Amino acid sequence: MQLVRSGWPYLSDDELLLDLVDGSVEARGFRSFFAVSAGQHEPFKHCFEPETIPGSQRTETTLPRVLLFMRLTDDQDSRFAKLTQSETMARLIRACPWATYDIAIAGANLELLSALARQASGFDLHAGLDLLEPDHAAELFLKALRAS
């Protein structure tokens, strides 16, 4: 939400479709709306279109440059740790274990994930409480883009 409010292009909530196009991985948003809850103890999520936020801009596709593998912490400050290409590939496989379940398509899935690990810089993001501060997420993610 903070990133959309800060004018970052919006692709999707939490699901992406990946496609290998001429040797590059292209990401396409799976759905256009956000589903958010107002708090930890609220049982229902509220859905809304990001286009309703002034200054927001939705993009249909992008070529990923940065991959963030997030861990929530109780620390005050968030921090990044840059991953090697092989560490990034290992994280992608852990994040997408289903990619190897079907032997008929496992090779193509692993080829796509491997291309993504080569194309984008991977980072561990230890997400602290500071990400809840207004506009802090945008500043923090700009650091990752600059480091990539």
N, C-alpha and C. Protein backbone atom coordinates (compact mmCIF):
# COMPACT_ATOMS: atom_id res chain seq x y z
N MET A 1 0.83 -1.19 0.00
CA MET A 1 0.00 0.00 0.00
C MET A 1 0.87 1.25 0.00
N GLN A 2 1.93 1.24 0.84
CA GLN A 2 2.81 2.40 0.89
C GLN A 2 3.46 2.66 -0.47
N LEU A 3 3.85 1.59 -1.15
CA LEU A 3 4.52 1.75 -2.44
C LEU A 3 3.57 2.33 -3.47
N VAL A 4 2.33 1.87 -3.49
CA VAL A 4 1.34 2.41 -4.44
C VAL A 4 1.10 3.89 -4.14
N ARG A 5 0.97 4.22 -2.86
CA ARG A 5 0.76 5.63 -2.48
C ARG A 5 1.96 6.50 -2.85
N SER A 6 3.15 5.90 -2.89
CA SER A 6 4.37 6.65 -3.22
C SER A 6 4.59 6.78 -4.73
N GLY A 7 3.66 6.21 -5.53
CA GLY A 7 3.75 6.34 -6.97
C GLY A 7 4.48 5.20 -7.67
N TRP A 8 4.81 4.13 -6.96
CA TRP A 8 5.46 2.99 -7.59
C TRP A 8 4.45 2.29 -8.50
N PRO A 9 4.89 1.84 -9.66
CA PRO A 9 3.98 1.10 -10.55
C PRO A 9 3.51 -0.18 -9.87
N TYR A 10 2.25 -0.46 -10.02
CA TYR A 10 1.63 -1.62 -9.39
C TYR A 10 1.44 -2.73 -10.41
N LEU A 11 1.81 -3.96 -10.04
CA LEU A 11 1.67 -5.10 -10.94
C LEU A 11 0.59 -6.06 -10.44
N SER A 12 0.70 -6.50 -9.19
CA SER A 12 -0.24 -7.48 -8.67
C SER A 12 -0.14 -7.51 -7.15
N ASP A 13 -1.12 -8.13 -6.52
CA ASP A 13 -1.13 -8.26 -5.07
C ASP A 13 -0.05 -9.23 -4.61
N ASP A 14 -0.29 -10.51 -4.74
CA ASP A 14 0.70 -11.48 -4.27
C ASP A 14 0.91 -12.66 -5.22
N GLU A 15 0.30 -12.61 -6.37
CA GLU A 15 0.46 -13.70 -7.33
C GLU A 15 0.88 -13.13 -8.68
N LEU A 16 1.89 -13.76 -9.27
CA LEU A 16 2.39 -13.35 -10.58
C LEU A 16 2.42 -14.55 -11.51
N LEU A 17 2.25 -14.29 -12.78
CA LEU A 17 2.48 -15.29 -13.81
C LEU A 17 3.82 -14.96 -14.45
N LEU A 18 4.70 -15.94 -14.56
CA LEU A 18 6.01 -15.74 -15.15
C LEU A 18 6.08 -16.43 -16.49
N ASP A 19 6.75 -15.76 -17.44
CA ASP A 19 6.88 -16.31 -18.78
C ASP A 19 8.29 -16.03 -19.28
N LEU A 20 8.89 -17.02 -19.94
CA LEU A 20 10.21 -16.85 -20.53
C LEU A 20 10.02 -16.37 -21.97
N VAL A 21 10.44 -15.12 -22.24
CA VAL A 21 10.25 -14.49 -23.55
C VAL A 21 11.62 -14.07 -24.08
N ASP A 22 12.08 -14.73 -25.13
CA ASP A 22 13.37 -14.41 -25.74
C ASP A 22 14.51 -14.40 -24.71
N GLY A 23 14.51 -15.35 -23.80
CA GLY A 23 15.59 -15.48 -22.82
C GLY A 23 15.42 -14.63 -21.58
N SER A 24 14.40 -13.78 -21.52
CA SER A 24 14.14 -12.94 -20.34
C SER A 24 12.85 -13.38 -19.68
N VAL A 25 12.81 -13.25 -18.37
CA VAL A 25 11.60 -13.59 -17.63
C VAL A 25 10.74 -12.34 -17.52
N GLU A 26 9.50 -12.50 -17.93
CA GLU A 26 8.52 -11.42 -17.87
C GLU A 26 7.49 -11.78 -16.81
N ALA A 27 7.16 -10.82 -15.95
CA ALA A 27 6.15 -11.03 -14.91
C ALA A 27 4.88 -10.29 -15.31
N ARG A 28 3.76 -10.96 -15.13
CA ARG A 28 2.45 -10.39 -15.44
C ARG A 28 1.59 -10.56 -14.19
N GLY A 29 0.86 -9.51 -13.85
CA GLY A 29 0.00 -9.56 -12.68
C GLY A 29 -1.14 -10.55 -12.86
N PHE A 30 -1.41 -11.30 -11.82
CA PHE A 30 -2.48 -12.30 -11.86
C PHE A 30 -3.84 -11.66 -11.61
N ARG A 31 -3.86 -10.70 -10.70
CA ARG A 31 -5.12 -10.00 -10.42
C ARG A 31 -4.81 -8.54 -10.18
N SER A 32 -5.81 -7.70 -10.37
CA SER A 32 -5.56 -6.26 -10.32
C SER A 32 -5.89 -5.64 -8.96
N PHE A 33 -6.53 -6.35 -8.07
CA PHE A 33 -6.95 -5.74 -6.82
C PHE A 33 -6.02 -6.14 -5.66
N PHE A 34 -6.10 -5.37 -4.59
CA PHE A 34 -5.42 -5.67 -3.34
C PHE A 34 -6.42 -6.31 -2.39
N ALA A 35 -5.94 -7.21 -1.56
CA ALA A 35 -6.74 -7.75 -0.47
C ALA A 35 -5.95 -7.50 0.81
N VAL A 36 -6.44 -6.61 1.65
CA VAL A 36 -5.72 -6.24 2.87
C VAL A 36 -6.64 -6.33 4.07
N SER A 37 -6.04 -6.56 5.22
CA SER A 37 -6.80 -6.53 6.47
C SER A 37 -6.35 -5.31 7.25
N ALA A 38 -7.26 -4.78 8.04
CA ALA A 38 -6.97 -3.57 8.80
C ALA A 38 -6.10 -3.87 10.00
N GLY A 39 -6.06 -5.12 10.42
CA GLY A 39 -5.27 -5.45 11.59
C GLY A 39 -5.08 -6.94 11.74
N GLN A 40 -4.20 -7.26 12.64
CA GLN A 40 -3.82 -8.65 12.88
C GLN A 40 -5.01 -9.51 13.33
N HIS A 41 -5.94 -8.91 14.05
CA HIS A 41 -7.06 -9.67 14.62
C HIS A 41 -8.35 -9.53 13.81
N GLU A 42 -8.27 -8.85 12.67
CA GLU A 42 -9.46 -8.70 11.84
C GLU A 42 -9.59 -9.92 10.94
N PRO A 43 -10.71 -10.63 11.01
CA PRO A 43 -10.84 -11.89 10.26
C PRO A 43 -11.08 -11.71 8.76
N PHE A 44 -11.56 -10.55 8.34
CA PHE A 44 -11.91 -10.37 6.94
C PHE A 44 -10.96 -9.41 6.25
N LYS A 45 -10.68 -9.69 4.98
CA LYS A 45 -9.86 -8.79 4.17
C LYS A 45 -10.77 -7.92 3.34
N HIS A 46 -10.31 -6.71 3.07
CA HIS A 46 -11.04 -5.77 2.23
C HIS A 46 -10.33 -5.72 0.88
N CYS A 47 -11.10 -5.79 -0.18
CA CYS A 47 -10.54 -5.74 -1.53
C CYS A 47 -10.81 -4.36 -2.14
N PHE A 48 -9.80 -3.83 -2.83
CA PHE A 48 -10.00 -2.57 -3.54
C PHE A 48 -9.04 -2.51 -4.71
N GLU A 49 -9.36 -1.69 -5.67
CA GLU A 49 -8.55 -1.47 -6.86
C GLU A 49 -7.53 -0.38 -6.55
N PRO A 50 -6.24 -0.62 -6.80
CA PRO A 50 -5.24 0.41 -6.54
C PRO A 50 -5.45 1.68 -7.34
N GLU A 51 -6.14 1.59 -8.49
CA GLU A 51 -6.38 2.78 -9.31
C GLU A 51 -7.20 3.83 -8.56
N THR A 52 -7.83 3.44 -7.44
CA THR A 52 -8.60 4.40 -6.67
C THR A 52 -7.70 5.30 -5.82
N ILE A 53 -6.41 4.98 -5.73
CA ILE A 53 -5.47 5.80 -4.97
C ILE A 53 -4.88 6.86 -5.91
N PRO A 54 -5.01 8.14 -5.58
CA PRO A 54 -4.46 9.19 -6.45
C PRO A 54 -2.97 8.97 -6.71
N GLY A 55 -2.57 9.11 -7.97
CA GLY A 55 -1.16 8.96 -8.34
C GLY A 55 -0.72 7.54 -8.61
N SER A 56 -1.60 6.55 -8.40
CA SER A 56 -1.20 5.16 -8.62
C SER A 56 -1.15 4.87 -10.12
N GLN A 57 -0.33 3.92 -10.49
CA GLN A 57 -0.23 3.53 -11.88
C GLN A 57 -0.02 2.03 -11.97
N ARG A 58 -0.87 1.37 -12.70
CA ARG A 58 -0.78 -0.08 -12.86
C ARG A 58 -0.07 -0.40 -14.16
N THR A 59 0.84 -1.36 -14.10
CA THR A 59 1.53 -1.81 -15.29
C THR A 59 1.11 -3.24 -15.57
N GLU A 60 1.05 -3.61 -16.82
CA GLU A 60 0.61 -4.96 -17.19
C GLU A 60 1.71 -5.99 -17.04
N THR A 61 2.94 -5.64 -17.42
CA THR A 61 4.07 -6.57 -17.35
C THR A 61 5.33 -5.84 -16.92
N THR A 62 6.31 -6.61 -16.46
CA THR A 62 7.61 -6.05 -16.11
C THR A 62 8.67 -7.14 -16.21
N LEU A 63 9.91 -6.72 -16.35
CA LEU A 63 11.04 -7.64 -16.29
C LEU A 63 11.65 -7.48 -14.89
N PRO A 64 11.48 -8.48 -14.01
CA PRO A 64 11.96 -8.34 -12.63
C PRO A 64 13.47 -8.11 -12.57
N ARG A 65 13.86 -7.13 -11.75
CA ARG A 65 15.27 -6.84 -11.51
C ARG A 65 15.70 -7.19 -10.10
N VAL A 66 14.74 -7.22 -9.16
CA VAL A 66 15.04 -7.48 -7.76
C VAL A 66 14.04 -8.49 -7.23
N LEU A 67 14.54 -9.48 -6.49
CA LEU A 67 13.69 -10.45 -5.81
C LEU A 67 13.92 -10.33 -4.32
N LEU A 68 12.85 -10.09 -3.57
CA LEU A 68 12.95 -9.96 -2.12
C LEU A 68 12.32 -11.18 -1.47
N PHE A 69 13.10 -11.87 -0.66
CA PHE A 69 12.61 -13.01 0.11
C PHE A 69 12.47 -12.52 1.54
N MET A 70 11.24 -12.28 1.96
CA MET A 70 10.97 -11.58 3.20
C MET A 70 10.77 -12.51 4.38
N ARG A 71 11.33 -12.10 5.50
CA ARG A 71 11.09 -12.73 6.80
C ARG A 71 10.64 -11.63 7.75
N LEU A 72 9.50 -11.84 8.39
CA LEU A 72 9.02 -10.86 9.37
C LEU A 72 9.79 -11.04 10.67
N THR A 73 10.23 -9.92 11.26
CA THR A 73 10.95 -9.97 12.52
C THR A 73 10.29 -8.99 13.49
N ASP A 74 10.66 -9.11 14.75
CA ASP A 74 10.22 -8.15 15.77
C ASP A 74 11.25 -7.04 15.97
N ASP A 75 12.30 -7.05 15.13
CA ASP A 75 13.33 -6.01 15.23
C ASP A 75 12.75 -4.66 14.85
N GLN A 76 13.33 -3.60 15.36
CA GLN A 76 12.87 -2.27 15.00
C GLN A 76 13.23 -1.93 13.56
N ASP A 77 14.46 -2.25 13.17
CA ASP A 77 14.94 -1.86 11.84
C ASP A 77 14.98 -3.04 10.88
N SER A 78 14.57 -2.79 9.65
CA SER A 78 14.65 -3.78 8.58
C SER A 78 16.07 -3.78 8.02
N ARG A 79 16.46 -4.91 7.43
CA ARG A 79 17.77 -4.96 6.81
C ARG A 79 17.76 -5.93 5.63
N PHE A 80 18.63 -5.66 4.68
CA PHE A 80 18.80 -6.49 3.49
C PHE A 80 20.09 -7.28 3.59
N ALA A 81 20.09 -8.46 2.99
CA ALA A 81 21.31 -9.23 2.80
C ALA A 81 21.29 -9.71 1.35
N LYS A 82 22.30 -9.31 0.57
CA LYS A 82 22.37 -9.69 -0.84
C LYS A 82 22.66 -11.18 -0.94
N LEU A 83 21.98 -11.84 -1.87
CA LEU A 83 22.15 -13.28 -2.09
C LEU A 83 22.97 -13.51 -3.36
N THR A 84 23.70 -14.62 -3.38
CA THR A 84 24.38 -15.02 -4.61
C THR A 84 23.32 -15.57 -5.56
N GLN A 85 23.72 -15.77 -6.79
CA GLN A 85 22.80 -16.32 -7.78
C GLN A 85 22.32 -17.71 -7.37
N SER A 86 23.23 -18.54 -6.85
CA SER A 86 22.82 -19.89 -6.44
C SER A 86 21.92 -19.84 -5.21
N GLU A 87 22.16 -18.90 -4.28
CA GLU A 87 21.27 -18.75 -3.13
C GLU A 87 19.89 -18.28 -3.59
N THR A 88 19.87 -17.38 -4.58
CA THR A 88 18.60 -16.89 -5.13
C THR A 88 17.83 -18.05 -5.75
N MET A 89 18.53 -18.89 -6.51
CA MET A 89 17.87 -20.05 -7.14
C MET A 89 17.31 -20.99 -6.08
N ALA A 90 18.07 -21.24 -5.03
CA ALA A 90 17.60 -22.11 -3.94
C ALA A 90 16.35 -21.53 -3.29
N ARG A 91 16.31 -20.20 -3.09
CA ARG A 91 15.14 -19.56 -2.48
C ARG A 91 13.93 -19.65 -3.41
N LEU A 92 14.16 -19.50 -4.71
CA LEU A 92 13.05 -19.62 -5.67
C LEU A 92 12.47 -21.03 -5.64
N ILE A 93 13.32 -22.04 -5.59
CA ILE A 93 12.82 -23.42 -5.54
C ILE A 93 12.05 -23.66 -4.25
N ARG A 94 12.55 -23.12 -3.12
CA ARG A 94 11.82 -23.26 -1.85
C ARG A 94 10.48 -22.53 -1.90
N ALA A 95 10.45 -21.38 -2.58
CA ALA A 95 9.21 -20.60 -2.67
C ALA A 95 8.22 -21.23 -3.64
N CYS A 96 8.70 -22.04 -4.58
CA CYS A 96 7.86 -22.65 -5.62
C CYS A 96 8.10 -24.16 -5.69
N PRO A 97 7.92 -24.89 -4.60
CA PRO A 97 8.22 -26.32 -4.63
C PRO A 97 7.38 -27.09 -5.64
N TRP A 98 6.19 -26.60 -5.93
CA TRP A 98 5.30 -27.25 -6.90
C TRP A 98 5.90 -27.27 -8.30
N ALA A 99 6.90 -26.42 -8.55
CA ALA A 99 7.49 -26.32 -9.89
C ALA A 99 8.14 -27.63 -10.34
N THR A 100 8.47 -28.50 -9.41
CA THR A 100 9.13 -29.76 -9.78
C THR A 100 8.24 -30.98 -9.57
N TYR A 101 7.01 -30.79 -9.14
CA TYR A 101 6.13 -31.93 -8.86
C TYR A 101 5.76 -32.72 -10.11
N ASP A 102 5.47 -32.04 -11.19
CA ASP A 102 5.04 -32.69 -12.42
C ASP A 102 6.26 -32.86 -13.32
N ILE A 103 6.74 -34.10 -13.46
CA ILE A 103 7.97 -34.37 -14.21
C ILE A 103 7.87 -33.87 -15.65
N ALA A 104 6.69 -33.89 -16.23
CA ALA A 104 6.53 -33.47 -17.62
C ALA A 104 6.87 -32.00 -17.84
N ILE A 105 6.65 -31.15 -16.83
CA ILE A 105 6.93 -29.72 -17.00
C ILE A 105 8.01 -29.20 -16.05
N ALA A 106 8.58 -30.05 -15.21
CA ALA A 106 9.58 -29.62 -14.23
C ALA A 106 10.78 -28.97 -14.92
N GLY A 107 11.25 -29.53 -16.04
CA GLY A 107 12.41 -28.97 -16.73
C GLY A 107 12.16 -27.54 -17.18
N ALA A 108 10.99 -27.28 -17.76
CA ALA A 108 10.65 -25.94 -18.22
C ALA A 108 10.52 -24.97 -17.03
N ASN A 109 9.91 -25.45 -15.95
CA ASN A 109 9.77 -24.60 -14.76
C ASN A 109 11.14 -24.24 -14.18
N LEU A 110 12.04 -25.22 -14.08
CA LEU A 110 13.37 -24.95 -13.54
C LEU A 110 14.18 -24.04 -14.47
N GLU A 111 13.98 -24.18 -15.77
CA GLU A 111 14.63 -23.29 -16.73
C GLU A 111 14.19 -21.85 -16.51
N LEU A 112 12.90 -21.65 -16.30
CA LEU A 112 12.36 -20.32 -16.06
C LEU A 112 12.91 -19.75 -14.75
N LEU A 113 12.91 -20.54 -13.68
CA LEU A 113 13.42 -20.06 -12.39
C LEU A 113 14.91 -19.75 -12.47
N SER A 114 15.65 -20.56 -13.22
CA SER A 114 17.08 -20.32 -13.39
C SER A 114 17.31 -19.01 -14.14
N ALA A 115 16.53 -18.76 -15.18
CA ALA A 115 16.64 -17.50 -15.93
C ALA A 115 16.30 -16.32 -15.02
N LEU A 116 15.32 -16.48 -14.16
CA LEU A 116 14.94 -15.42 -13.23
C LEU A 116 16.07 -15.15 -12.23
N ALA A 117 16.71 -16.20 -11.74
CA ALA A 117 17.83 -16.03 -10.79
C ALA A 117 19.01 -15.32 -11.46
N ARG A 118 19.20 -15.52 -12.75
CA ARG A 118 20.28 -14.82 -13.47
C ARG A 118 19.90 -13.38 -13.78
N GLN A 119 18.64 -13.14 -14.03
CA GLN A 119 18.17 -11.81 -14.45
C GLN A 119 18.05 -10.83 -13.29
N ALA A 120 17.62 -11.30 -12.14
CA ALA A 120 17.31 -10.42 -11.01
C ALA A 120 18.29 -10.64 -9.86
N SER A 121 18.53 -9.59 -9.10
CA SER A 121 19.35 -9.69 -7.89
C SER A 121 18.45 -10.13 -6.74
N GLY A 122 18.90 -11.12 -6.00
CA GLY A 122 18.12 -11.62 -4.87
C GLY A 122 18.60 -11.03 -3.56
N PHE A 123 17.65 -10.78 -2.66
CA PHE A 123 17.96 -10.25 -1.34
C PHE A 123 17.09 -10.94 -0.30
N ASP A 124 17.66 -11.20 0.87
CA ASP A 124 16.86 -11.51 2.04
C ASP A 124 16.45 -10.18 2.64
N LEU A 125 15.19 -10.03 2.92
CA LEU A 125 14.70 -8.83 3.60
C LEU A 125 14.20 -9.27 4.96
N HIS A 126 14.89 -8.84 5.99
CA HIS A 126 14.44 -9.08 7.36
C HIS A 126 13.58 -7.87 7.71
N ALA A 127 12.26 -8.03 7.57
CA ALA A 127 11.32 -6.92 7.68
C ALA A 127 11.02 -6.62 9.14
N GLY A 128 11.42 -5.43 9.54
CA GLY A 128 11.20 -4.98 10.91
C GLY A 128 10.00 -4.07 11.04
N LEU A 129 9.81 -3.58 12.23
CA LEU A 129 8.67 -2.72 12.53
C LEU A 129 8.72 -1.38 11.80
N ASP A 130 9.93 -0.97 11.36
CA ASP A 130 10.05 0.31 10.66
C ASP A 130 9.29 0.33 9.34
N LEU A 131 8.98 -0.83 8.78
CA LEU A 131 8.20 -0.86 7.53
C LEU A 131 6.78 -0.36 7.71
N LEU A 132 6.33 -0.26 8.95
CA LEU A 132 4.99 0.25 9.22
C LEU A 132 4.96 1.78 9.21
N GLU A 133 6.13 2.42 9.24
CA GLU A 133 6.19 3.88 9.22
C GLU A 133 5.84 4.40 7.84
N PRO A 134 5.09 5.51 7.75
CA PRO A 134 4.71 6.05 6.45
C PRO A 134 5.92 6.31 5.56
N ASP A 135 5.82 5.89 4.31
CA ASP A 135 6.83 6.12 3.26
C ASP A 135 8.15 5.41 3.47
N HIS A 136 8.31 4.67 4.54
CA HIS A 136 9.60 4.00 4.78
C HIS A 136 9.84 2.84 3.82
N ALA A 137 8.80 2.13 3.45
CA ALA A 137 8.96 0.99 2.54
C ALA A 137 9.54 1.46 1.20
N ALA A 138 9.07 2.56 0.67
CA ALA A 138 9.57 3.06 -0.61
C ALA A 138 11.05 3.40 -0.51
N GLU A 139 11.47 4.03 0.57
CA GLU A 139 12.88 4.37 0.76
C GLU A 139 13.73 3.10 0.87
N LEU A 140 13.26 2.15 1.61
CA LEU A 140 14.00 0.91 1.81
C LEU A 140 14.13 0.12 0.51
N PHE A 141 13.08 0.05 -0.28
CA PHE A 141 13.14 -0.70 -1.53
C PHE A 141 13.99 0.00 -2.58
N LEU A 142 14.07 1.33 -2.51
CA LEU A 142 14.98 2.06 -3.41
C LEU A 142 16.43 1.65 -3.15
N LYS A 143 16.76 1.40 -1.89
CA LYS A 143 18.12 0.93 -1.55
C LYS A 143 18.40 -0.39 -2.24
N ALA A 144 17.44 -1.30 -2.25
CA ALA A 144 17.63 -2.60 -2.89
C ALA A 144 17.81 -2.43 -4.40
N LEU A 145 17.05 -1.54 -5.00
CA LEU A 145 17.19 -1.30 -6.43
C LEU A 145 18.56 -0.74 -6.77
N ARG A 146 19.04 0.16 -5.95
CA ARG A 146 20.37 0.75 -6.18
C ARG A 146 21.47 -0.29 -6.00
N ALA A 147 21.27 -1.23 -5.07
CA ALA A 147 22.29 -2.25 -4.80
C ALA A 147 22.27 -3.38 -5.81
N SER A 148 21.23 -3.45 -6.66
CA SER A 148 21.13 -4.57 -7.60
C SER A 148 22.02 -4.42 -8.81
